[in-house]
Amino acid sequence: MTTNYEPAAPLPAQPSGAQPPGARSAPAQEQRWVRVGLIAIAVGYLSLVLFIPAINVFAQAFGHGFGPFLSNLTRPDFLNAVKLTLIVALITVPINTLFGLCAAWLLARKQFRGRAFIISILDVPFSVSPVVAGLMIVLLYGRNGWFGSFLVAHNIKVMFALPGIVLATAFVTLPFVAREVIPVLEEAGADQEEAASTLGANGWQTFWHVTLPNIRWGLMYGVLLTNARAMGEFGAVSVVSGNIIAKTQTLPLFVEQAYKQYQSEAAFAAAALLGLLALVTLVLKEFLERKTRIKTATDEE
């Protein structure tokens, strides 16, 4: 008896490294779990140190309703603290904006001996503790400081007064505008400015019509950060102001004083106001960064 035998068709060869459908390689699974684990750690850490404390501030501020919150914001000592904080910001921000523009233009457009040293000096407020900065000002302008005898002789009061608070705030907010504008100036280059000068534009016309439009988003970002830090500064101001209620007490100092006196609702109301300022700052920061990225992409095209 003859049997017809047909060999089975060979299985199609799978590409090298291919796996059956639905199978997942061990390295891919490991990478996925590593990614999920890192995200969980980051979210958990941010929740513990940022999200939960921030939410608790607003919960405590509005815990008894919107009416008590508003009543705490109409207290005379609170209003005086807000007024002083705004005055300090209105003085400090324009001064450091002007200084930051001058410093940024000098450091971005000129190459000279000692440039790296000046950049390092510019970063000192980032590395020095605000409390140490306040102590430095006391050692200079206090009654027993270097200029103390001169100030006393001419009846000029710096410590425990508005000038001392302005000096301390100006010190801690000094680098922000310069540090945001320098990279923008370096990236833009000097070609357009040189072209404007060649066409007969003077220095002011070149700055107003060429330089300023190129740096406007970086400048606004620096001004925004300067204002936020000026209104929220605590360490340096607490050293030089004396924290005198209704006289030299800024809004952050009011929060500390109210909390120490067991006026929790007032403290959390003021803290919520500062938190809203921080939230607005973050929103504007994201807006300005997006504008900067769009401008950079447009220039590259």
Protein backbone atom coordinates (compact mmCIF):
# COMPACT_ATOMS: atom_id res chain seq x y z
CA MET A 1 0.00 0.00 0.00
CA THR A 2 1.36 3.34 -1.01
CA THR A 3 0.93 6.30 1.27
CA ASN A 4 1.11 9.82 -0.11
CA TYR A 5 3.15 11.85 2.33
CA GLU A 6 3.24 15.61 2.04
CA PRO A 7 5.68 17.41 4.27
CA ALA A 8 4.18 20.06 6.49
CA ALA A 9 4.66 23.63 5.34
CA PRO A 10 7.52 25.24 7.18
CA LEU A 11 6.62 27.83 9.78
CA PRO A 12 7.29 31.39 8.66
CA ALA A 13 10.56 32.62 10.00
CA GLN A 14 10.22 35.33 12.62
CA PRO A 15 12.45 38.33 12.44
CA SER A 16 15.41 38.32 14.74
CA GLY A 17 14.38 39.59 18.18
CA ALA A 18 10.63 39.32 17.44
CA GLN A 19 8.33 38.08 20.18
CA PRO A 20 4.91 36.44 20.06
CA PRO A 21 1.95 38.86 20.08
CA GLY A 22 1.05 40.07 23.53
CA ALA A 23 4.44 39.20 24.96
CA ARG A 24 6.41 41.97 26.60
CA SER A 25 10.14 41.85 27.08
CA ALA A 26 11.51 41.90 30.57
CA PRO A 27 13.57 45.06 29.96
CA ALA A 28 10.46 46.91 28.73
CA GLN A 29 8.49 45.87 31.82
CA GLU A 30 11.37 46.89 34.03
CA GLN A 31 11.63 50.29 32.37
CA ARG A 32 7.88 50.80 32.80
CA TRP A 33 7.98 50.01 36.52
CA VAL A 34 11.03 52.23 36.99
CA ARG A 35 9.22 55.10 35.29
CA VAL A 36 6.06 54.59 37.33
CA GLY A 37 8.09 54.33 40.53
CA LEU A 38 10.00 57.54 39.87
CA ILE A 39 6.78 59.41 39.06
CA ALA A 40 5.16 58.10 42.27
CA ILE A 41 8.17 59.19 44.34
CA ALA A 42 8.16 62.66 42.77
CA VAL A 43 4.41 63.15 43.24
CA GLY A 44 4.56 61.84 46.82
CA TYR A 45 7.45 64.13 47.72
CA LEU A 46 5.80 67.17 46.16
CA SER A 47 2.56 66.33 47.96
CA LEU A 48 4.29 66.21 51.33
CA VAL A 49 6.36 69.39 50.98
CA LEU A 50 4.23 71.51 48.64
CA PHE A 51 0.72 70.45 47.66
CA ILE A 52 -0.66 69.39 51.05
CA PRO A 53 0.81 72.38 52.98
CA ALA A 54 -0.47 74.82 50.34
CA ILE A 55 -3.94 73.30 50.34
CA ASN A 56 -3.97 73.36 54.15
CA VAL A 57 -3.17 77.10 54.17
CA PHE A 58 -6.21 77.87 52.03
CA ALA A 59 -8.37 75.41 53.99
CA GLN A 60 -7.44 77.12 57.26
CA ALA A 61 -7.93 80.59 55.77
CA PHE A 62 -11.44 79.82 54.50
CA GLY A 63 -12.33 77.29 57.22
CA HIS A 64 -14.92 79.56 58.85
CA GLY A 65 -16.29 80.99 55.65
CA PHE A 66 -15.53 83.84 53.31
CA GLY A 67 -16.81 86.51 55.73
CA PRO A 68 -14.21 85.94 58.48
CA PHE A 69 -11.54 85.78 55.79
CA LEU A 70 -12.49 89.22 54.50
CA SER A 71 -12.71 90.62 58.03
CA ASN A 72 -9.14 89.51 58.70
CA LEU A 73 -8.03 91.31 55.55
CA THR A 74 -9.50 94.60 56.79
CA ARG A 75 -7.58 94.74 60.08
CA PRO A 76 -5.56 97.97 60.45
CA ASP A 77 -2.30 96.15 61.17
CA PHE A 78 -2.83 93.93 58.12
CA LEU A 79 -3.55 96.92 55.88
CA ASN A 80 -0.43 98.70 57.16
CA ALA A 81 1.64 95.59 56.40
CA VAL A 82 0.24 95.40 52.87
CA LYS A 83 0.86 99.12 52.34
CA LEU A 84 4.50 98.86 53.46
CA THR A 85 5.04 95.75 51.32
CA LEU A 86 3.71 97.54 48.24
CA ILE A 87 5.84 100.63 48.94
CA VAL A 88 8.98 98.52 49.26
CA ALA A 89 8.17 96.68 46.01
CA LEU A 90 7.43 99.93 44.16
CA ILE A 91 10.84 101.30 45.18
CA THR A 92 12.91 98.15 44.82
CA VAL A 93 11.63 96.72 41.55
CA PRO A 94 12.35 99.80 39.35
CA ILE A 95 15.80 100.25 40.91
CA ASN A 96 16.82 96.65 40.31
CA THR A 97 15.23 96.67 36.86
CA LEU A 98 17.41 99.62 35.84
CA PHE A 99 20.48 98.08 37.45
CA GLY A 100 19.77 94.69 35.88
CA LEU A 101 19.45 96.18 32.39
CA CYS A 102 22.73 98.10 32.72
CA ALA A 103 24.58 95.11 34.18
CA ALA A 104 23.16 92.71 31.58
CA TRP A 105 24.12 94.95 28.67
CA LEU A 106 27.64 95.45 30.02
CA LEU A 107 28.24 91.76 30.70
CA ALA A 108 26.66 90.56 27.44
CA ARG A 109 28.16 93.13 25.07
CA LYS A 110 31.60 93.82 26.54
CA GLN A 111 34.57 91.52 27.10
CA PHE A 112 36.93 92.86 29.76
CA ARG A 113 39.23 91.69 32.49
CA GLY A 114 37.30 90.82 35.64
CA ARG A 115 34.05 90.01 33.83
CA ALA A 116 33.82 86.55 35.41
CA PHE A 117 34.43 88.07 38.84
CA ILE A 118 31.59 90.58 38.38
CA ILE A 119 29.24 87.77 37.32
CA SER A 120 30.21 85.88 40.47
CA ILE A 121 29.55 88.97 42.61
CA LEU A 122 26.18 89.31 40.92
CA ASP A 123 25.26 85.83 42.15
CA VAL A 124 26.17 86.51 45.79
CA PRO A 125 22.54 87.15 46.87
CA PHE A 126 21.68 83.66 45.59
CA SER A 127 24.29 82.01 47.80
CA VAL A 128 24.18 84.15 50.95
CA SER A 129 21.48 83.51 53.52
CA PRO A 130 18.96 86.39 53.72
CA VAL A 131 19.55 86.57 57.47
CA VAL A 132 23.27 87.06 56.84
CA ALA A 133 22.41 89.73 54.28
CA GLY A 134 20.35 91.58 56.89
CA LEU A 135 23.20 91.32 59.39
CA MET A 136 25.61 92.77 56.81
CA ILE A 137 23.36 95.80 56.45
CA VAL A 138 23.17 96.20 60.24
CA LEU A 139 26.97 96.10 60.49
CA LEU A 140 27.16 98.89 57.93
CA TYR A 141 24.25 101.18 58.82
CA GLY A 142 23.46 100.27 62.43
CA ARG A 143 24.21 102.57 65.33
CA ASN A 144 27.54 100.82 65.92
CA GLY A 145 28.22 100.13 62.24
CA TRP A 146 30.73 101.68 59.87
CA PHE A 147 28.39 104.52 58.88
CA GLY A 148 26.45 104.58 62.16
CA SER A 149 28.09 107.64 63.70
CA PHE A 150 27.63 109.66 60.50
CA LEU A 151 23.96 108.70 60.23
CA VAL A 152 23.31 109.52 63.90
CA ALA A 153 25.09 112.87 63.58
CA HIS A 154 22.91 113.84 60.61
CA ASN A 155 19.71 112.36 62.12
CA ILE A 156 19.34 109.82 59.30
CA LYS A 157 17.53 106.67 60.33
CA VAL A 158 18.17 103.56 58.27
CA MET A 159 17.73 100.65 60.66
CA PHE A 160 14.19 99.88 61.85
CA ALA A 161 12.85 102.18 59.15
CA LEU A 162 11.87 102.13 55.49
CA PRO A 163 15.41 102.73 54.10
CA GLY A 164 16.77 99.63 55.84
CA ILE A 165 13.91 97.47 54.54
CA VAL A 166 14.48 98.79 51.02
CA LEU A 167 18.22 98.09 51.23
CA ALA A 168 17.65 94.54 52.44
CA THR A 169 15.03 93.84 49.78
CA ALA A 170 17.16 95.39 47.04
CA PHE A 171 20.06 93.14 48.02
CA VAL A 172 18.15 89.86 47.87
CA THR A 173 16.38 90.77 44.59
CA LEU A 174 19.41 92.26 42.85
CA PRO A 175 20.33 89.40 40.42
CA PHE A 176 16.96 88.44 38.95
CA VAL A 177 16.61 90.93 36.08
CA ALA A 178 20.27 90.73 35.06
CA ARG A 179 20.30 86.93 35.19
CA GLU A 180 17.21 86.71 32.94
CA VAL A 181 18.31 89.35 30.42
CA ILE A 182 21.96 88.30 29.94
CA PRO A 183 21.19 85.00 28.13
CA VAL A 184 18.62 86.74 25.90
CA LEU A 185 21.12 89.43 24.90
CA GLU A 186 23.82 86.86 24.21
CA GLU A 187 21.48 84.78 22.07
CA ALA A 188 20.21 87.78 20.10
CA GLY A 189 23.72 89.00 19.32
CA ALA A 190 24.76 92.53 18.42
CA ASP A 191 24.21 92.42 14.64
CA GLN A 192 20.91 94.28 14.67
CA GLU A 193 22.22 96.93 17.06
CA GLU A 194 25.29 97.49 14.90
CA ALA A 195 23.08 97.75 11.81
CA ALA A 196 20.89 100.35 13.52
CA SER A 197 23.96 102.38 14.50
CA THR A 198 25.26 102.17 10.93
CA LEU A 199 21.94 103.55 9.69
CA GLY A 200 22.31 106.56 11.98
CA ALA A 201 20.36 105.61 15.09
CA ASN A 202 21.67 106.97 18.37
CA GLY A 203 22.11 104.88 21.50
CA TRP A 204 18.64 105.54 22.90
CA GLN A 205 16.92 104.85 19.58
CA THR A 206 18.87 101.61 19.19
CA PHE A 207 17.91 100.48 22.68
CA TRP A 208 14.24 101.44 22.37
CA HIS A 209 13.57 100.10 18.87
CA VAL A 210 16.04 97.20 18.59
CA THR A 211 17.36 95.95 21.95
CA LEU A 212 14.21 96.28 24.06
CA PRO A 213 11.90 94.38 21.66
CA ASN A 214 14.41 91.52 21.59
CA ILE A 215 14.65 91.23 25.38
CA ARG A 216 11.15 92.24 26.43
CA TRP A 217 9.95 88.77 27.49
CA GLY A 218 13.13 88.01 29.43
CA LEU A 219 12.95 91.46 31.02
CA MET A 220 9.33 90.99 32.05
CA TYR A 221 10.18 87.58 33.49
CA GLY A 222 13.00 89.10 35.57
CA VAL A 223 10.76 91.93 36.78
CA LEU A 224 8.09 89.40 37.74
CA LEU A 225 10.54 87.33 39.80
CA THR A 226 11.95 90.48 41.41
CA ASN A 227 8.50 91.66 42.46
CA ALA A 228 7.52 88.24 43.83
CA ARG A 229 10.70 87.98 45.90
CA ALA A 230 10.41 91.60 47.10
CA MET A 231 6.87 91.09 48.38
CA GLY A 232 7.65 87.72 49.96
CA GLU A 233 11.05 88.38 51.53
CA PHE A 234 11.25 87.54 55.22
CA GLY A 235 14.78 86.79 56.47
CA ALA A 236 16.70 89.94 55.59
CA VAL A 237 13.74 92.22 56.32
CA SER A 238 13.17 90.67 59.75
CA VAL A 239 16.73 91.56 60.77
CA VAL A 240 16.72 95.21 59.68
CA SER A 241 13.10 96.19 60.34
CA GLY A 242 12.61 95.35 64.02
CA ASN A 243 9.14 94.02 63.11
CA ILE A 244 7.36 97.01 64.63
CA ILE A 245 3.61 96.57 64.22
CA ALA A 246 1.98 99.13 61.90
CA LYS A 247 5.38 100.77 61.27
CA THR A 248 8.03 98.40 59.91
CA GLN A 249 6.03 95.18 59.57
CA THR A 250 5.71 93.79 56.06
CA LEU A 251 3.21 91.12 55.06
CA PRO A 252 5.50 88.10 55.67
CA LEU A 253 6.40 89.52 59.10
CA PHE A 254 2.70 90.00 59.83
CA VAL A 255 2.11 86.29 59.17
CA GLU A 256 4.80 85.31 61.67
CA GLN A 257 3.64 87.80 64.30
CA ALA A 258 -0.03 86.84 64.03
CA TYR A 259 0.76 83.13 64.25
CA LYS A 260 2.96 83.62 67.33
CA GLN A 261 0.12 85.51 69.00
CA TYR A 262 -2.26 82.61 68.30
CA GLN A 263 -4.20 84.66 65.75
CA SER A 264 -4.29 81.74 63.37
CA GLU A 265 -7.11 82.97 61.16
CA ALA A 266 -5.37 86.27 60.47
CA ALA A 267 -2.06 84.52 59.86
CA PHE A 268 -3.57 82.03 57.42
CA ALA A 269 -5.53 84.77 55.64
CA ALA A 270 -2.35 86.74 55.03
CA ALA A 271 -0.53 83.56 54.03
CA ALA A 272 -3.30 82.75 51.56
CA LEU A 273 -2.88 86.20 50.02
CA LEU A 274 0.84 85.57 49.60
CA GLY A 275 0.02 82.14 48.16
CA LEU A 276 -2.28 83.73 45.60
CA LEU A 277 0.56 86.07 44.67
CA ALA A 278 2.80 83.05 44.14
CA LEU A 279 0.12 81.36 42.02
CA VAL A 280 -0.27 84.44 39.83
CA THR A 281 3.51 84.58 39.51
CA LEU A 282 3.63 80.96 38.33
CA VAL A 283 0.89 81.57 35.75
CA LEU A 284 2.62 84.66 34.39
CA LYS A 285 5.95 82.84 34.46
CA GLU A 286 4.56 80.05 32.27
CA PHE A 287 3.03 82.62 29.92
CA LEU A 288 6.31 84.53 29.55
CA GLU A 289 8.33 81.34 29.07
CA ARG A 290 5.93 80.25 26.32
CA LYS A 291 6.22 83.62 24.64
CA THR A 292 10.00 83.38 24.85
CA ARG A 293 10.00 79.90 23.27
CA ILE A 294 7.69 81.06 20.48
CA LYS A 295 9.91 84.05 19.77
CA THR A 296 13.03 81.87 19.72
CA ALA A 297 11.42 79.40 17.31
CA THR A 298 10.29 82.26 15.06
CA ASP A 299 13.76 83.77 14.98
CA GLU A 300 15.33 80.40 14.12
CA GLU A 301 12.94 79.96 11.18
